[in-house]
Amino acid sequence: MGFFDDIADSFRSAVGSVDGDLLANGLLGRADLLGVDISGMTLQVANGLVERKATFTLQVYLEGETPFPATAVQRIQEIYIPQLVPGQTVLAVRVDPTDRTKVAIDFQTPVPNITVKAGEGRDSAAWILANGTDAKVVLVANQPMGLTSSLGDPVHGLTLTIDKGADSYQVQVGNGVPNAALPLLYPGSKLHAKIGDDPTDVVVDWSRGARTD
């Protein structure tokens, strides 16, 4: 990147403008909104809607890749700000093919379904299912995430209670759910699971079906 490109990038960041080339040619992905910081800077072009500069903290998903965190600084029309709910809002994004730190939100494109890369080693679902500690869990809530696992199963965000009596605790995880296991997705469903090295690394063992205890 040359000197004048650096100046252009600095100016765009200062006013919250998006690189048009990034929006046109960037890799299409999806992102979970983790946080948003709305600044006091506004801009109105002609009689258009008032826009406000904001900093978005994102968890980005690209086809076949490991999810990664990113930050995007850009303007958004003020009327859409109430729809930005961290932990709930999902957005379409464009990512520079050669620089994963350059991410722009694409408000004009539908959020795509993405197939995520399988974890590796002790962090993978396969390793945890084969080697993790047995656990009893209760499903509190679930939500489709618009993702597909490397095995081709839809990924659901699961809120689970790890059933340990007085030591019970709750986690939120993303697990692939085979079609055969979809009937088990209801609040209060008692399931078998495995826990990895971290107490929050929980993978439901759908092959064992529902618990009967």
N, C-alpha and C. Protein backbone atom coordinates (compact mmCIF):
# COMPACT_ATOMS: atom_id res chain seq x y z
N MET A 1 0.85 -1.19 0.00
CA MET A 1 0.00 0.00 0.00
C MET A 1 0.87 1.23 0.00
N GLY A 2 0.54 2.23 -0.82
CA GLY A 2 1.33 3.43 -0.93
C GLY A 2 0.90 4.50 0.05
N PHE A 3 1.66 5.61 0.01
CA PHE A 3 1.43 6.73 0.92
C PHE A 3 0.02 7.29 0.76
N PHE A 4 -0.41 7.50 -0.49
CA PHE A 4 -1.73 8.09 -0.73
C PHE A 4 -2.86 7.13 -0.36
N ASP A 5 -2.61 5.82 -0.48
CA ASP A 5 -3.60 4.84 -0.03
C ASP A 5 -3.78 4.93 1.47
N ASP A 6 -2.66 5.12 2.20
CA ASP A 6 -2.75 5.26 3.66
C ASP A 6 -3.57 6.48 4.04
N ILE A 7 -3.36 7.59 3.31
CA ILE A 7 -4.12 8.81 3.59
C ILE A 7 -5.61 8.58 3.34
N ALA A 8 -5.93 7.90 2.23
CA ALA A 8 -7.33 7.62 1.90
C ALA A 8 -7.99 6.76 2.97
N ASP A 9 -7.26 5.73 3.44
CA ASP A 9 -7.81 4.86 4.49
C ASP A 9 -8.05 5.65 5.77
N SER A 10 -7.12 6.53 6.12
CA SER A 10 -7.26 7.33 7.34
C SER A 10 -8.47 8.25 7.25
N PHE A 11 -8.67 8.85 6.08
CA PHE A 11 -9.82 9.75 5.90
C PHE A 11 -11.12 8.97 6.00
N ARG A 12 -11.19 7.81 5.33
CA ARG A 12 -12.42 7.01 5.38
C ARG A 12 -12.74 6.62 6.81
N SER A 13 -11.72 6.23 7.57
CA SER A 13 -11.94 5.83 8.96
C SER A 13 -12.43 7.00 9.79
N ALA A 14 -11.88 8.19 9.52
CA ALA A 14 -12.24 9.37 10.31
C ALA A 14 -13.71 9.73 10.14
N VAL A 15 -14.23 9.57 8.95
CA VAL A 15 -15.63 9.96 8.69
C VAL A 15 -16.57 8.77 8.63
N GLY A 16 -16.03 7.57 8.77
CA GLY A 16 -16.89 6.38 8.75
C GLY A 16 -17.33 5.95 7.38
N SER A 17 -16.57 6.31 6.35
CA SER A 17 -16.90 5.88 5.00
C SER A 17 -16.38 4.48 4.75
N VAL A 18 -17.01 3.77 3.83
CA VAL A 18 -16.62 2.40 3.52
C VAL A 18 -15.90 2.37 2.18
N ASP A 19 -14.84 1.60 2.09
CA ASP A 19 -14.10 1.42 0.83
C ASP A 19 -15.02 0.74 -0.18
N GLY A 20 -15.33 1.44 -1.27
CA GLY A 20 -16.22 0.89 -2.28
C GLY A 20 -15.70 -0.37 -2.91
N ASP A 21 -14.39 -0.48 -3.08
CA ASP A 21 -13.80 -1.68 -3.66
C ASP A 21 -13.98 -2.87 -2.73
N LEU A 22 -13.89 -2.63 -1.41
CA LEU A 22 -14.09 -3.70 -0.44
C LEU A 22 -15.52 -4.21 -0.50
N LEU A 23 -16.50 -3.30 -0.60
CA LEU A 23 -17.89 -3.72 -0.68
C LEU A 23 -18.18 -4.46 -1.98
N ALA A 24 -17.51 -4.07 -3.06
CA ALA A 24 -17.77 -4.68 -4.36
C ALA A 24 -17.07 -6.02 -4.54
N ASN A 25 -15.87 -6.15 -3.98
CA ASN A 25 -15.04 -7.33 -4.26
C ASN A 25 -14.65 -8.14 -3.04
N GLY A 26 -15.03 -7.70 -1.86
CA GLY A 26 -14.67 -8.44 -0.66
C GLY A 26 -15.39 -9.77 -0.57
N LEU A 27 -14.80 -10.69 0.19
CA LEU A 27 -15.42 -11.99 0.43
C LEU A 27 -16.68 -11.82 1.27
N LEU A 28 -17.77 -12.44 0.84
CA LEU A 28 -19.02 -12.33 1.56
C LEU A 28 -19.02 -13.28 2.75
N GLY A 29 -19.35 -12.75 3.92
CA GLY A 29 -19.43 -13.56 5.12
C GLY A 29 -20.57 -13.08 6.00
N ARG A 30 -20.66 -13.65 7.17
CA ARG A 30 -21.66 -13.23 8.16
C ARG A 30 -20.93 -12.91 9.45
N ALA A 31 -21.55 -12.11 10.28
CA ALA A 31 -20.90 -11.72 11.53
C ALA A 31 -21.93 -11.58 12.64
N ASP A 32 -21.57 -12.06 13.81
CA ASP A 32 -22.35 -11.81 15.01
C ASP A 32 -21.92 -10.45 15.55
N LEU A 33 -22.90 -9.61 15.90
CA LEU A 33 -22.59 -8.32 16.50
C LEU A 33 -22.33 -8.52 17.98
N LEU A 34 -21.09 -8.26 18.40
CA LEU A 34 -20.72 -8.42 19.81
C LEU A 34 -20.85 -7.10 20.58
N GLY A 35 -20.68 -5.99 19.87
CA GLY A 35 -20.78 -4.69 20.52
C GLY A 35 -20.84 -3.59 19.49
N VAL A 36 -21.38 -2.45 19.88
CA VAL A 36 -21.44 -1.30 18.97
C VAL A 36 -21.28 -0.03 19.80
N ASP A 37 -20.38 0.84 19.36
CA ASP A 37 -20.11 2.11 20.03
C ASP A 37 -20.52 3.23 19.08
N ILE A 38 -21.61 3.89 19.40
CA ILE A 38 -22.15 4.96 18.55
C ILE A 38 -21.47 6.28 18.92
N SER A 39 -20.85 6.92 17.95
CA SER A 39 -20.18 8.19 18.21
C SER A 39 -21.16 9.35 18.06
N GLY A 40 -20.70 10.54 18.39
CA GLY A 40 -21.53 11.72 18.24
C GLY A 40 -21.44 12.33 16.85
N MET A 41 -20.62 11.74 15.97
CA MET A 41 -20.42 12.32 14.64
C MET A 41 -21.56 11.92 13.71
N THR A 42 -22.20 12.91 13.09
CA THR A 42 -23.29 12.65 12.16
C THR A 42 -22.99 13.26 10.81
N LEU A 43 -23.67 12.74 9.79
CA LEU A 43 -23.52 13.26 8.43
C LEU A 43 -24.84 13.11 7.72
N GLN A 44 -25.22 14.15 6.99
CA GLN A 44 -26.44 14.11 6.19
C GLN A 44 -26.11 14.65 4.80
N VAL A 45 -26.33 13.83 3.78
CA VAL A 45 -26.06 14.23 2.41
C VAL A 45 -27.35 14.68 1.76
N ALA A 46 -27.39 15.96 1.29
CA ALA A 46 -28.58 16.53 0.68
C ALA A 46 -29.76 16.34 1.64
N ASN A 47 -30.85 15.72 1.15
CA ASN A 47 -32.02 15.50 2.00
C ASN A 47 -32.11 14.05 2.48
N GLY A 48 -30.97 13.37 2.44
CA GLY A 48 -30.95 11.98 2.86
C GLY A 48 -31.09 11.82 4.37
N LEU A 49 -31.21 10.57 4.80
CA LEU A 49 -31.34 10.28 6.23
C LEU A 49 -30.04 10.59 6.96
N VAL A 50 -30.16 11.00 8.20
CA VAL A 50 -28.99 11.29 9.02
C VAL A 50 -28.25 9.99 9.33
N GLU A 51 -26.95 10.01 9.13
CA GLU A 51 -26.10 8.85 9.42
C GLU A 51 -25.17 9.18 10.59
N ARG A 52 -24.84 8.15 11.37
CA ARG A 52 -23.98 8.34 12.52
C ARG A 52 -22.81 7.35 12.45
N LYS A 53 -21.63 7.83 12.73
CA LYS A 53 -20.45 6.98 12.72
C LYS A 53 -20.49 6.04 13.92
N ALA A 54 -20.12 4.77 13.70
CA ALA A 54 -20.14 3.78 14.77
C ALA A 54 -18.98 2.81 14.62
N THR A 55 -18.57 2.24 15.73
CA THR A 55 -17.54 1.19 15.74
C THR A 55 -18.21 -0.12 16.12
N PHE A 56 -18.12 -1.10 15.23
CA PHE A 56 -18.76 -2.39 15.42
C PHE A 56 -17.73 -3.45 15.80
N THR A 57 -17.99 -4.16 16.89
CA THR A 57 -17.16 -5.30 17.27
C THR A 57 -17.87 -6.57 16.80
N LEU A 58 -17.17 -7.39 16.01
CA LEU A 58 -17.81 -8.50 15.30
C LEU A 58 -17.08 -9.82 15.51
N GLN A 59 -17.83 -10.90 15.39
CA GLN A 59 -17.26 -12.24 15.24
C GLN A 59 -17.61 -12.67 13.83
N VAL A 60 -16.59 -12.82 12.98
CA VAL A 60 -16.80 -13.00 11.54
C VAL A 60 -16.68 -14.47 11.15
N TYR A 61 -17.57 -14.90 10.25
CA TYR A 61 -17.56 -16.26 9.71
C TYR A 61 -17.43 -16.18 8.20
N LEU A 62 -16.39 -16.83 7.67
CA LEU A 62 -16.21 -16.97 6.23
C LEU A 62 -16.29 -18.44 5.87
N GLU A 63 -16.71 -18.72 4.66
CA GLU A 63 -16.89 -20.10 4.20
C GLU A 63 -15.62 -20.91 4.38
N GLY A 64 -15.74 -22.03 5.16
CA GLY A 64 -14.64 -22.96 5.32
C GLY A 64 -13.50 -22.48 6.18
N GLU A 65 -13.69 -21.37 6.91
CA GLU A 65 -12.61 -20.83 7.73
C GLU A 65 -12.99 -20.84 9.22
N THR A 66 -11.96 -20.69 10.05
CA THR A 66 -12.19 -20.57 11.48
C THR A 66 -12.72 -19.16 11.78
N PRO A 67 -13.77 -19.02 12.59
CA PRO A 67 -14.28 -17.69 12.91
C PRO A 67 -13.20 -16.82 13.56
N PHE A 68 -13.28 -15.51 13.35
CA PHE A 68 -12.28 -14.61 13.91
C PHE A 68 -12.92 -13.28 14.30
N PRO A 69 -12.34 -12.57 15.28
CA PRO A 69 -12.88 -11.28 15.69
C PRO A 69 -12.41 -10.18 14.74
N ALA A 70 -13.23 -9.13 14.62
CA ALA A 70 -12.86 -8.01 13.76
C ALA A 70 -13.60 -6.77 14.24
N THR A 71 -13.10 -5.63 13.77
CA THR A 71 -13.73 -4.34 14.07
C THR A 71 -14.00 -3.60 12.77
N ALA A 72 -15.17 -3.02 12.65
CA ALA A 72 -15.52 -2.22 11.47
C ALA A 72 -15.97 -0.84 11.94
N VAL A 73 -15.42 0.19 11.32
CA VAL A 73 -15.80 1.56 11.63
C VAL A 73 -16.50 2.14 10.40
N GLN A 74 -17.77 2.44 10.54
CA GLN A 74 -18.51 2.99 9.41
C GLN A 74 -19.79 3.66 9.88
N ARG A 75 -20.42 4.37 8.95
CA ARG A 75 -21.65 5.08 9.30
C ARG A 75 -22.86 4.17 9.10
N ILE A 76 -23.89 4.48 9.89
CA ILE A 76 -25.16 3.77 9.76
C ILE A 76 -26.28 4.79 9.90
N GLN A 77 -27.34 4.60 9.16
CA GLN A 77 -28.48 5.51 9.27
C GLN A 77 -29.08 5.40 10.68
N GLU A 78 -29.36 6.53 11.27
CA GLU A 78 -29.80 6.56 12.67
C GLU A 78 -31.05 5.72 12.91
N ILE A 79 -31.94 5.64 11.93
CA ILE A 79 -33.19 4.91 12.14
C ILE A 79 -32.95 3.42 12.36
N TYR A 80 -31.77 2.91 11.94
CA TYR A 80 -31.50 1.48 12.09
C TYR A 80 -30.76 1.15 13.39
N ILE A 81 -30.32 2.17 14.12
CA ILE A 81 -29.54 1.92 15.33
C ILE A 81 -30.29 1.07 16.35
N PRO A 82 -31.61 1.29 16.59
CA PRO A 82 -32.32 0.45 17.57
C PRO A 82 -32.34 -1.03 17.21
N GLN A 83 -32.09 -1.36 15.93
CA GLN A 83 -32.11 -2.77 15.52
C GLN A 83 -30.78 -3.47 15.82
N LEU A 84 -29.77 -2.72 16.23
CA LEU A 84 -28.45 -3.29 16.49
C LEU A 84 -28.39 -3.75 17.95
N VAL A 85 -28.58 -5.04 18.16
CA VAL A 85 -28.61 -5.59 19.52
C VAL A 85 -27.44 -6.56 19.69
N PRO A 86 -26.39 -6.16 20.41
CA PRO A 86 -25.26 -7.08 20.63
C PRO A 86 -25.72 -8.41 21.21
N GLY A 87 -25.17 -9.48 20.67
CA GLY A 87 -25.55 -10.81 21.12
C GLY A 87 -26.74 -11.39 20.39
N GLN A 88 -27.43 -10.56 19.58
CA GLN A 88 -28.61 -11.03 18.85
C GLN A 88 -28.54 -10.72 17.36
N THR A 89 -28.01 -9.56 17.00
CA THR A 89 -28.02 -9.12 15.61
C THR A 89 -26.93 -9.84 14.81
N VAL A 90 -27.31 -10.29 13.60
CA VAL A 90 -26.37 -10.92 12.67
C VAL A 90 -26.34 -10.06 11.40
N LEU A 91 -25.15 -9.87 10.84
CA LEU A 91 -24.97 -8.96 9.72
C LEU A 91 -24.19 -9.62 8.59
N ALA A 92 -24.45 -9.20 7.36
CA ALA A 92 -23.62 -9.59 6.23
C ALA A 92 -22.39 -8.68 6.22
N VAL A 93 -21.24 -9.25 5.93
CA VAL A 93 -20.00 -8.47 5.89
C VAL A 93 -19.20 -8.81 4.64
N ARG A 94 -18.30 -7.89 4.30
CA ARG A 94 -17.33 -8.10 3.23
C ARG A 94 -15.94 -8.03 3.84
N VAL A 95 -15.09 -8.98 3.45
CA VAL A 95 -13.75 -9.08 4.02
C VAL A 95 -12.72 -9.03 2.91
N ASP A 96 -11.67 -8.24 3.12
CA ASP A 96 -10.59 -8.14 2.15
C ASP A 96 -9.96 -9.52 1.97
N PRO A 97 -9.85 -10.02 0.72
CA PRO A 97 -9.29 -11.36 0.49
C PRO A 97 -7.85 -11.52 0.97
N THR A 98 -7.10 -10.43 1.07
CA THR A 98 -5.69 -10.52 1.46
C THR A 98 -5.41 -9.96 2.84
N ASP A 99 -6.42 -9.36 3.48
CA ASP A 99 -6.19 -8.74 4.79
C ASP A 99 -7.46 -8.88 5.62
N ARG A 100 -7.47 -9.86 6.53
CA ARG A 100 -8.66 -10.16 7.31
C ARG A 100 -9.00 -9.06 8.32
N THR A 101 -8.11 -8.08 8.51
CA THR A 101 -8.42 -6.99 9.42
C THR A 101 -9.33 -5.95 8.77
N LYS A 102 -9.49 -6.02 7.46
CA LYS A 102 -10.33 -5.06 6.75
C LYS A 102 -11.70 -5.68 6.50
N VAL A 103 -12.67 -5.22 7.29
CA VAL A 103 -14.03 -5.77 7.25
C VAL A 103 -15.02 -4.62 7.16
N ALA A 104 -16.00 -4.77 6.30
CA ALA A 104 -17.06 -3.77 6.16
C ALA A 104 -18.41 -4.46 6.25
N ILE A 105 -19.35 -3.83 6.92
CA ILE A 105 -20.72 -4.36 6.98
C ILE A 105 -21.43 -4.02 5.68
N ASP A 106 -22.09 -5.03 5.10
CA ASP A 106 -22.83 -4.85 3.85
C ASP A 106 -24.32 -4.86 4.18
N PHE A 107 -24.88 -3.67 4.38
CA PHE A 107 -26.28 -3.58 4.79
C PHE A 107 -27.24 -3.88 3.66
N GLN A 108 -26.74 -3.98 2.42
CA GLN A 108 -27.62 -4.18 1.26
C GLN A 108 -27.74 -5.65 0.85
N THR A 109 -26.98 -6.53 1.49
CA THR A 109 -26.94 -7.94 1.08
C THR A 109 -27.51 -8.84 2.17
N PRO A 110 -28.34 -9.83 1.82
CA PRO A 110 -28.85 -10.77 2.82
C PRO A 110 -27.71 -11.52 3.50
N VAL A 111 -27.92 -11.85 4.75
CA VAL A 111 -26.90 -12.59 5.50
C VAL A 111 -26.80 -14.01 4.95
N PRO A 112 -25.61 -14.45 4.53
CA PRO A 112 -25.48 -15.78 3.93
C PRO A 112 -25.37 -16.88 4.98
N ASN A 113 -25.70 -18.11 4.57
CA ASN A 113 -25.41 -19.28 5.39
C ASN A 113 -23.97 -19.69 5.12
N ILE A 114 -23.22 -19.96 6.16
CA ILE A 114 -21.79 -20.25 6.04
C ILE A 114 -21.49 -21.63 6.61
N THR A 115 -20.63 -22.39 5.90
CA THR A 115 -20.12 -23.66 6.44
C THR A 115 -18.81 -23.37 7.15
N VAL A 116 -18.77 -23.67 8.44
CA VAL A 116 -17.60 -23.34 9.24
C VAL A 116 -16.58 -24.47 9.21
N LYS A 117 -15.33 -24.11 9.43
CA LYS A 117 -14.25 -25.08 9.47
C LYS A 117 -14.32 -25.87 10.77
N ALA A 118 -14.03 -27.15 10.70
CA ALA A 118 -14.02 -27.99 11.90
C ALA A 118 -12.88 -27.56 12.81
N GLY A 119 -13.11 -27.66 14.11
CA GLY A 119 -12.05 -27.37 15.06
C GLY A 119 -10.92 -28.38 14.93
N GLU A 120 -9.80 -28.06 15.54
CA GLU A 120 -8.63 -28.94 15.45
C GLU A 120 -8.17 -29.36 16.84
N GLY A 121 -7.64 -30.57 16.93
CA GLY A 121 -7.06 -31.05 18.19
C GLY A 121 -8.08 -31.11 19.31
N ARG A 122 -7.63 -30.71 20.49
CA ARG A 122 -8.46 -30.82 21.70
C ARG A 122 -9.64 -29.85 21.71
N ASP A 123 -9.62 -28.87 20.79
CA ASP A 123 -10.73 -27.92 20.71
C ASP A 123 -11.85 -28.39 19.78
N SER A 124 -11.63 -29.49 19.08
CA SER A 124 -12.62 -29.95 18.11
C SER A 124 -13.74 -30.72 18.80
N ALA A 125 -14.93 -30.67 18.18
CA ALA A 125 -16.06 -31.42 18.71
C ALA A 125 -15.77 -32.91 18.70
N ALA A 126 -15.07 -33.38 17.65
CA ALA A 126 -14.76 -34.80 17.54
C ALA A 126 -13.88 -35.26 18.70
N TRP A 127 -12.88 -34.44 19.05
CA TRP A 127 -11.98 -34.82 20.14
C TRP A 127 -12.73 -34.83 21.46
N ILE A 128 -13.55 -33.80 21.69
CA ILE A 128 -14.29 -33.73 22.95
C ILE A 128 -15.26 -34.89 23.09
N LEU A 129 -15.95 -35.25 22.01
CA LEU A 129 -16.87 -36.38 22.07
C LEU A 129 -16.14 -37.69 22.36
N ALA A 130 -14.92 -37.83 21.85
CA ALA A 130 -14.17 -39.07 22.04
C ALA A 130 -13.45 -39.12 23.38
N ASN A 131 -13.06 -37.96 23.89
CA ASN A 131 -12.18 -37.95 25.06
C ASN A 131 -12.68 -37.12 26.24
N GLY A 132 -13.75 -36.38 26.05
CA GLY A 132 -14.22 -35.49 27.10
C GLY A 132 -14.86 -36.21 28.27
N THR A 133 -15.20 -35.43 29.28
CA THR A 133 -15.83 -35.95 30.49
C THR A 133 -17.34 -36.03 30.29
N ASP A 134 -17.94 -37.15 30.68
CA ASP A 134 -19.39 -37.30 30.55
C ASP A 134 -20.12 -36.25 31.38
N ALA A 135 -21.21 -35.74 30.83
CA ALA A 135 -22.00 -34.74 31.54
C ALA A 135 -23.47 -34.92 31.21
N LYS A 136 -24.31 -34.55 32.16
CA LYS A 136 -25.74 -34.50 31.95
C LYS A 136 -26.12 -33.03 31.76
N VAL A 137 -26.85 -32.74 30.69
CA VAL A 137 -27.23 -31.36 30.43
C VAL A 137 -28.73 -31.25 30.19
N VAL A 138 -29.25 -30.06 30.42
CA VAL A 138 -30.65 -29.76 30.16
C VAL A 138 -30.69 -28.58 29.21
N LEU A 139 -31.44 -28.72 28.12
CA LEU A 139 -31.56 -27.64 27.14
C LEU A 139 -32.51 -26.57 27.65
N VAL A 140 -31.99 -25.35 27.73
CA VAL A 140 -32.81 -24.22 28.18
C VAL A 140 -33.45 -23.51 26.98
N ALA A 141 -32.64 -23.30 25.92
CA ALA A 141 -33.13 -22.62 24.72
C ALA A 141 -32.21 -22.94 23.56
N ASN A 142 -32.73 -22.78 22.35
CA ASN A 142 -31.89 -22.97 21.16
C ASN A 142 -32.31 -22.00 20.08
N GLN A 143 -31.36 -21.69 19.19
CA GLN A 143 -31.61 -20.75 18.11
C GLN A 143 -30.74 -21.13 16.92
N PRO A 144 -31.32 -21.36 15.73
CA PRO A 144 -30.49 -21.62 14.55
C PRO A 144 -29.55 -20.44 14.31
N MET A 145 -28.30 -20.73 13.95
CA MET A 145 -27.30 -19.69 13.81
C MET A 145 -27.02 -19.30 12.36
N GLY A 146 -27.68 -19.98 11.41
CA GLY A 146 -27.41 -19.68 10.01
C GLY A 146 -26.05 -20.20 9.57
N LEU A 147 -25.52 -21.17 10.29
CA LEU A 147 -24.24 -21.79 9.98
C LEU A 147 -24.44 -23.27 9.73
N THR A 148 -23.50 -23.86 9.01
CA THR A 148 -23.50 -25.30 8.76
C THR A 148 -22.18 -25.87 9.25
N SER A 149 -22.22 -26.98 9.96
CA SER A 149 -20.99 -27.59 10.46
C SER A 149 -20.24 -28.26 9.31
N SER A 150 -19.00 -28.64 9.57
CA SER A 150 -18.19 -29.30 8.55
C SER A 150 -18.78 -30.65 8.16
N LEU A 151 -19.68 -31.20 9.00
CA LEU A 151 -20.34 -32.47 8.71
C LEU A 151 -21.64 -32.26 7.94
N GLY A 152 -21.99 -31.00 7.69
CA GLY A 152 -23.20 -30.71 6.94
C GLY A 152 -24.45 -30.53 7.79
N ASP A 153 -24.28 -30.47 9.12
CA ASP A 153 -25.42 -30.30 10.01
C ASP A 153 -25.64 -28.82 10.32
N PRO A 154 -26.90 -28.39 10.45
CA PRO A 154 -27.15 -27.00 10.86
C PRO A 154 -26.63 -26.75 12.27
N VAL A 155 -26.02 -25.60 12.47
CA VAL A 155 -25.48 -25.24 13.78
C VAL A 155 -26.53 -24.45 14.55
N HIS A 156 -26.77 -24.87 15.78
CA HIS A 156 -27.70 -24.15 16.65
C HIS A 156 -26.94 -23.56 17.83
N GLY A 157 -27.36 -22.36 18.23
CA GLY A 157 -26.86 -21.80 19.49
C GLY A 157 -27.68 -22.41 20.61
N LEU A 158 -27.01 -23.11 21.51
CA LEU A 158 -27.70 -23.83 22.59
C LEU A 158 -27.37 -23.19 23.94
N THR A 159 -28.40 -22.93 24.71
CA THR A 159 -28.21 -22.56 26.11
C THR A 159 -28.46 -23.82 26.93
N LEU A 160 -27.43 -24.26 27.65
CA LEU A 160 -27.48 -25.53 28.36
C LEU A 160 -27.20 -25.34 29.85
N THR A 161 -27.91 -26.07 30.67
CA THR A 161 -27.57 -26.17 32.09
C THR A 161 -26.80 -27.47 32.29
N ILE A 162 -25.59 -27.36 32.80
CA ILE A 162 -24.78 -28.54 33.11
C ILE A 162 -25.28 -29.04 34.46
N ASP A 163 -25.90 -30.22 34.45
CA ASP A 163 -26.61 -30.75 35.62
C ASP A 163 -25.62 -31.39 36.59
N LYS A 164 -25.21 -30.60 37.60
CA LYS A 164 -24.28 -31.10 38.62
C LYS A 164 -24.80 -30.82 40.02
N GLY A 165 -26.11 -30.88 40.17
CA GLY A 165 -26.68 -30.62 41.49
C GLY A 165 -26.40 -29.21 41.94
N ALA A 166 -25.81 -29.08 43.14
CA ALA A 166 -25.51 -27.76 43.70
C ALA A 166 -24.45 -27.03 42.88
N ASP A 167 -23.66 -27.76 42.10
CA ASP A 167 -22.59 -27.15 41.30
C ASP A 167 -23.01 -26.94 39.84
N SER A 168 -24.30 -27.00 39.56
CA SER A 168 -24.77 -26.80 38.18
C SER A 168 -24.41 -25.40 37.69
N TYR A 169 -24.20 -25.28 36.38
CA TYR A 169 -23.91 -23.98 35.78
C TYR A 169 -24.46 -23.96 34.36
N GLN A 170 -24.52 -22.78 33.78
CA GLN A 170 -25.12 -22.62 32.46
C GLN A 170 -24.07 -22.14 31.45
N VAL A 171 -24.17 -22.65 30.23
CA VAL A 171 -23.27 -22.24 29.16
C VAL A 171 -24.07 -21.97 27.90
N GLN A 172 -23.46 -21.22 26.99
CA GLN A 172 -24.01 -21.01 25.65
C GLN A 172 -22.98 -21.49 24.65
N VAL A 173 -23.37 -22.43 23.79
CA VAL A 173 -22.44 -23.04 22.84
C VAL A 173 -23.10 -23.16 21.47
N GLY A 174 -22.28 -23.31 20.45
CA GLY A 174 -22.78 -23.60 19.12
C GLY A 174 -22.46 -25.05 18.78
N ASN A 175 -23.47 -25.84 18.53
CA ASN A 175 -23.29 -27.26 18.20
C ASN A 175 -24.00 -27.58 16.90
N GLY A 176 -23.39 -28.44 16.07
CA GLY A 176 -24.09 -28.99 14.93
C GLY A 176 -25.16 -29.95 15.42
N VAL A 177 -26.34 -29.90 14.78
CA VAL A 177 -27.45 -30.76 15.20
C VAL A 177 -27.92 -31.58 14.01
N PRO A 178 -27.68 -32.90 14.02
CA PRO A 178 -28.17 -33.75 12.91
C PRO A 178 -29.68 -33.69 12.80
N ASN A 179 -30.20 -33.89 11.61
CA ASN A 179 -31.65 -33.85 11.41
C ASN A 179 -32.38 -34.82 12.32
N ALA A 180 -31.77 -36.00 12.57
CA ALA A 180 -32.42 -37.00 13.42
C ALA A 180 -32.58 -36.52 14.85
N ALA A 181 -31.78 -35.52 15.26
CA ALA A 181 -31.83 -35.04 16.64
C ALA A 181 -32.73 -33.82 16.81
N LEU A 182 -33.30 -33.30 15.73
CA LEU A 182 -34.12 -32.10 15.83
C LEU A 182 -35.31 -32.26 16.79
N PRO A 183 -35.92 -33.47 16.88
CA PRO A 183 -37.02 -33.62 17.85
C PRO A 183 -36.59 -33.43 19.30
N LEU A 184 -35.29 -33.43 19.57
CA LEU A 184 -34.81 -33.26 20.94
C LEU A 184 -34.63 -31.80 21.31
N LEU A 185 -34.87 -30.89 20.36
CA LEU A 185 -34.65 -29.47 20.61
C LEU A 185 -35.91 -28.82 21.18
N TYR A 186 -36.08 -28.97 22.48
CA TYR A 186 -37.18 -28.28 23.15
C TYR A 186 -36.73 -27.96 24.58
N PRO A 187 -37.21 -26.86 25.15
CA PRO A 187 -36.81 -26.49 26.50
C PRO A 187 -37.10 -27.61 27.50
N GLY A 188 -36.11 -27.92 28.31
CA GLY A 188 -36.26 -28.98 29.30
C GLY A 188 -35.76 -30.33 28.82
N SER A 189 -35.36 -30.42 27.55
CA SER A 189 -34.85 -31.68 27.01
C SER A 189 -33.59 -32.09 27.77
N LYS A 190 -33.58 -33.33 28.28
CA LYS A 190 -32.43 -33.85 29.01
C LYS A 190 -31.54 -34.63 28.06
N LEU A 191 -30.27 -34.26 27.99
CA LEU A 191 -29.36 -34.80 26.99
C LEU A 191 -28.04 -35.25 27.59
N HIS A 192 -27.35 -36.09 26.83
CA HIS A 192 -25.99 -36.49 27.18
C HIS A 192 -25.02 -35.54 26.49
N ALA A 193 -23.89 -35.27 27.15
CA ALA A 193 -22.90 -34.38 26.55
C ALA A 193 -21.51 -34.76 27.05
N LYS A 194 -20.52 -34.15 26.46
CA LYS A 194 -19.13 -34.30 26.89
C LYS A 194 -18.55 -32.90 27.11
N ILE A 195 -17.67 -32.79 28.09
CA ILE A 195 -17.02 -31.52 28.42
C ILE A 195 -15.53 -31.64 28.12
N GLY A 196 -14.98 -30.63 27.45
CA GLY A 196 -13.56 -30.61 27.11
C GLY A 196 -12.71 -30.07 28.24
N ASP A 197 -11.54 -29.54 27.89
CA ASP A 197 -10.61 -29.04 28.90
C ASP A 197 -11.17 -27.85 29.66
N ASP A 198 -11.96 -27.04 28.98
CA ASP A 198 -12.59 -25.89 29.62
C ASP A 198 -14.03 -26.26 29.97
N PRO A 199 -14.51 -25.88 31.15
CA PRO A 199 -15.89 -26.23 31.53
C PRO A 199 -16.95 -25.69 30.58
N THR A 200 -16.59 -24.69 29.76
CA THR A 200 -17.56 -24.15 28.81
C THR A 200 -17.48 -24.82 27.45
N ASP A 201 -16.53 -25.73 27.27
CA ASP A 201 -16.42 -26.48 26.00
C ASP A 201 -17.32 -27.70 26.09
N VAL A 202 -18.56 -27.54 25.70
CA VAL A 202 -19.57 -28.59 25.86
C VAL A 202 -20.10 -28.99 24.49
N VAL A 203 -20.12 -30.30 24.24
CA VAL A 203 -20.64 -30.83 22.98
C VAL A 203 -21.71 -31.87 23.32
N VAL A 204 -22.90 -31.67 22.81
CA VAL A 204 -23.99 -32.63 23.05
C VAL A 204 -23.73 -33.88 22.22
N ASP A 205 -23.91 -35.03 22.84
CA ASP A 205 -23.74 -36.33 22.16
C ASP A 205 -25.11 -36.77 21.65
N TRP A 206 -25.47 -36.27 20.47
CA TRP A 206 -26.80 -36.55 19.93
C TRP A 206 -27.01 -38.03 19.65
N SER A 207 -25.92 -38.77 19.41
CA SER A 207 -26.05 -40.19 19.08
C SER A 207 -26.62 -41.01 20.22
N ARG A 208 -26.56 -40.48 21.44
CA ARG A 208 -27.08 -41.21 22.61
C ARG A 208 -28.53 -40.89 22.90
N GLY A 209 -29.11 -39.97 22.12
CA GLY A 209 -30.51 -39.65 22.32
C GLY A 209 -30.78 -38.93 23.62
N ALA A 210 -32.03 -38.99 24.05
CA ALA A 210 -32.43 -38.30 25.28
C ALA A 210 -32.08 -39.12 26.50
N ARG A 211 -31.80 -38.42 27.59
CA ARG A 211 -31.59 -39.09 28.88
C ARG A 211 -32.93 -39.55 29.43
N THR A 212 -32.91 -40.66 30.12
CA THR A 212 -34.14 -41.19 30.72
C THR A 212 -34.18 -41.01 32.22
N ASP A 213 -33.09 -40.50 32.80
CA ASP A 213 -33.05 -40.32 34.26
C ASP A 213 -33.65 -38.98 34.67
